[in-house]
N, C-alpha and C. Protein backbone atom coordinates (compact mmCIF):
# COMPACT_ATOMS: atom_id res chain seq x y z
N MET A 1 50.04 26.69 79.49
CA MET A 1 51.37 26.29 79.58
C MET A 1 51.83 26.14 81.01
N THR A 2 52.53 25.32 81.36
CA THR A 2 52.94 25.09 82.76
C THR A 2 54.16 26.01 82.98
N LYS A 3 54.42 26.26 84.27
CA LYS A 3 55.46 27.01 84.70
C LYS A 3 56.86 26.48 84.37
N ALA A 4 57.01 25.06 84.42
CA ALA A 4 58.25 24.37 84.17
C ALA A 4 58.54 24.54 82.64
N ILE A 5 57.62 24.55 81.92
CA ILE A 5 57.87 24.44 80.41
C ILE A 5 58.28 25.98 80.01
N SER A 6 57.54 26.93 80.64
CA SER A 6 57.87 28.31 80.43
C SER A 6 59.37 28.65 80.84
N ILE A 7 59.70 28.23 81.96
CA ILE A 7 61.07 28.40 82.38
C ILE A 7 62.12 27.64 81.55
N ALA A 8 61.78 26.53 80.99
CA ALA A 8 62.67 25.84 80.05
C ALA A 8 62.72 26.63 78.89
N LEU A 9 61.72 27.19 78.34
CA LEU A 9 61.69 27.99 77.12
C LEU A 9 62.51 29.26 77.41
N ILE A 10 62.51 29.76 78.47
CA ILE A 10 63.38 30.94 78.80
C ILE A 10 64.83 30.62 78.73
N VAL A 11 65.14 29.49 79.41
CA VAL A 11 66.60 29.12 79.47
C VAL A 11 66.92 28.54 78.09
N GLY A 12 66.20 28.00 77.33
CA GLY A 12 66.57 27.63 75.98
C GLY A 12 66.79 28.76 75.07
N GLY A 13 65.94 29.75 75.24
CA GLY A 13 65.89 30.98 74.42
C GLY A 13 67.29 31.64 74.72
N ILE A 14 67.66 31.75 75.95
CA ILE A 14 68.82 32.42 76.26
C ILE A 14 70.17 31.70 75.81
N VAL A 15 70.07 30.30 75.77
CA VAL A 15 71.18 29.63 75.22
C VAL A 15 71.03 29.76 73.64
N LEU A 16 70.08 29.81 72.94
CA LEU A 16 70.01 30.04 71.54
C LEU A 16 70.60 31.49 71.30
N LEU A 17 70.19 32.40 72.04
CA LEU A 17 70.72 33.73 71.77
C LEU A 17 72.23 33.84 71.98
N TYR A 18 72.76 33.24 73.01
CA TYR A 18 74.19 33.02 73.16
C TYR A 18 74.80 32.47 71.90
N PHE A 19 74.34 31.24 71.47
CA PHE A 19 74.95 30.68 70.34
C PHE A 19 74.81 31.51 69.17
N GLY A 20 73.66 32.23 68.96
CA GLY A 20 73.49 33.07 67.74
C GLY A 20 74.47 34.30 67.83
N GLY A 21 74.73 34.91 68.91
CA GLY A 21 75.71 35.90 69.15
C GLY A 21 77.13 35.42 68.77
N GLN A 22 77.45 34.15 69.15
CA GLN A 22 78.74 33.61 68.78
C GLN A 22 78.79 33.29 67.30
N ALA A 23 77.78 32.91 66.76
CA ALA A 23 77.71 32.60 65.19
C ALA A 23 77.80 33.90 64.53
N PHE A 24 77.07 35.07 64.96
CA PHE A 24 77.07 36.25 64.34
C PHE A 24 78.44 36.86 64.17
N ASN A 25 79.33 36.55 65.23
CA ASN A 25 80.74 37.18 65.40
C ASN A 25 81.73 36.26 64.84
N SER A 26 81.37 35.10 64.32
CA SER A 26 82.24 34.12 63.63
C SER A 26 82.96 34.67 62.48
N VAL A 27 84.07 33.95 62.07
CA VAL A 27 84.84 34.17 61.00
C VAL A 27 83.94 33.98 59.72
N SER A 28 83.11 32.88 59.62
CA SER A 28 82.39 32.75 58.38
C SER A 28 81.18 33.79 58.31
N SER A 29 80.77 34.23 59.34
CA SER A 29 79.72 35.23 59.32
C SER A 29 80.29 36.72 58.87
N GLU A 30 81.59 36.88 59.30
CA GLU A 30 82.33 38.00 58.82
C GLU A 30 82.52 38.11 57.28
N VAL A 31 82.91 36.84 56.83
CA VAL A 31 83.14 36.58 55.30
C VAL A 31 81.86 36.85 54.58
N SER A 32 80.81 36.27 55.06
CA SER A 32 79.53 36.36 54.49
C SER A 32 79.03 37.80 54.47
N ARG A 33 79.39 38.57 55.54
CA ARG A 33 79.02 40.07 55.50
C ARG A 33 79.77 41.03 54.50
N VAL A 34 81.04 40.49 54.31
CA VAL A 34 81.87 41.15 53.35
C VAL A 34 81.24 41.02 51.98
N PHE A 35 80.86 39.74 51.60
CA PHE A 35 80.36 39.47 50.22
C PHE A 35 78.89 39.84 49.92
N THR A 36 77.98 39.64 50.94
CA THR A 36 76.67 39.64 50.78
C THR A 36 75.89 40.92 51.54
N GLY A 37 76.79 41.44 52.55
CA GLY A 37 76.26 42.48 53.39
C GLY A 37 75.34 41.99 54.54
N SER A 38 75.13 40.78 54.77
CA SER A 38 74.43 40.24 55.81
C SER A 38 75.12 38.94 56.45
N PRO A 39 74.85 38.77 57.65
CA PRO A 39 75.36 37.61 58.39
C PRO A 39 74.90 36.18 57.88
N THR A 40 75.44 35.23 58.27
CA THR A 40 75.00 33.79 57.79
C THR A 40 73.54 33.56 58.24
N ASN A 41 73.00 32.66 57.48
CA ASN A 41 71.50 32.33 57.86
C ASN A 41 71.55 31.63 59.21
N LYS A 42 72.58 30.81 59.60
CA LYS A 42 72.61 30.13 60.87
C LYS A 42 72.53 31.17 61.96
N ALA A 43 73.20 32.23 61.79
CA ALA A 43 73.28 33.23 62.94
C ALA A 43 71.91 33.87 63.04
N ILE A 44 71.34 34.15 61.95
CA ILE A 44 70.12 34.90 61.94
C ILE A 44 68.97 33.86 62.55
N MET A 45 68.92 32.67 62.25
CA MET A 45 67.99 31.71 62.69
C MET A 45 68.22 31.51 64.13
N LEU A 46 69.34 31.34 64.68
CA LEU A 46 69.55 31.13 66.04
C LEU A 46 69.11 32.35 66.79
N ILE A 47 69.37 33.55 66.41
CA ILE A 47 68.94 34.77 67.18
C ILE A 47 67.42 34.81 67.14
N VAL A 48 66.77 34.65 65.83
CA VAL A 48 65.26 34.64 65.77
C VAL A 48 64.66 33.68 66.78
N ALA A 49 65.18 32.39 66.73
CA ALA A 49 64.61 31.33 67.53
C ALA A 49 64.70 31.66 68.99
N GLY A 50 65.96 32.24 69.32
CA GLY A 50 66.09 32.57 70.85
C GLY A 50 65.20 33.66 71.28
N VAL A 51 64.92 34.60 70.48
CA VAL A 51 63.93 35.68 70.78
C VAL A 51 62.52 35.11 70.90
N ILE A 52 62.21 34.26 69.94
CA ILE A 52 60.77 33.64 69.99
C ILE A 52 60.66 32.79 71.26
N ALA A 53 61.61 31.98 71.46
CA ALA A 53 61.55 31.07 72.63
C ALA A 53 61.41 31.81 73.93
N THR A 54 62.33 32.94 74.19
CA THR A 54 62.38 33.63 75.28
C THR A 54 60.99 34.42 75.49
N VAL A 55 60.56 35.10 74.48
CA VAL A 55 59.29 35.68 74.59
C VAL A 55 58.02 34.78 75.06
N ALA A 56 58.16 33.60 74.32
CA ALA A 56 57.12 32.65 74.72
C ALA A 56 57.21 32.17 76.06
N GLY A 57 58.31 31.98 76.53
CA GLY A 57 58.55 31.54 77.94
C GLY A 57 58.16 32.65 78.95
N LEU A 58 58.56 33.98 78.67
CA LEU A 58 58.11 35.16 79.46
C LEU A 58 56.60 35.16 79.54
N THR A 59 56.00 35.00 78.29
CA THR A 59 54.57 35.19 78.33
C THR A 59 53.92 33.95 79.12
N GLY A 60 54.41 32.77 79.02
CA GLY A 60 53.88 31.59 79.86
C GLY A 60 54.02 31.91 81.37
N VAL A 61 55.19 32.44 81.78
CA VAL A 61 55.33 32.74 83.10
C VAL A 61 54.28 33.67 83.68
N ALA A 62 54.11 34.81 82.81
CA ALA A 62 53.21 35.86 83.08
C ALA A 62 51.71 35.38 83.20
N VAL A 63 51.38 34.58 82.27
CA VAL A 63 50.09 34.13 82.14
C VAL A 63 49.67 33.07 83.34
N SER A 64 50.77 32.21 83.70
CA SER A 64 50.51 31.26 84.76
C SER A 64 50.50 32.00 86.10
N GLY A 65 51.23 33.08 86.13
CA GLY A 65 51.10 33.77 87.44
C GLY A 65 49.81 34.47 87.76
N ARG A 66 49.08 34.92 86.72
CA ARG A 66 47.86 35.63 86.81
C ARG A 66 46.77 34.62 87.15
N LYS A 67 46.81 33.42 86.85
CA LYS A 67 45.74 32.41 87.11
C LYS A 67 45.52 32.11 88.61
N ARG A 68 46.30 32.32 89.35
CA ARG A 68 46.02 32.13 90.87
C ARG A 68 45.46 33.24 91.53
């Protein structure tokens, strides 16, 4: 994985985490938590995708730094 792709994954992951946090605190998520006890699927998927992308990017940066 190249360093540019890794950095793009980190930035994309952070953006997904931001939007996931916004969706988690939205009115529809609050209503969903009242009736089901859990936030909306959209909020969960954005947060999970953000974590995965960020970890993949950090791993790529760490691995590309060791090869030199």
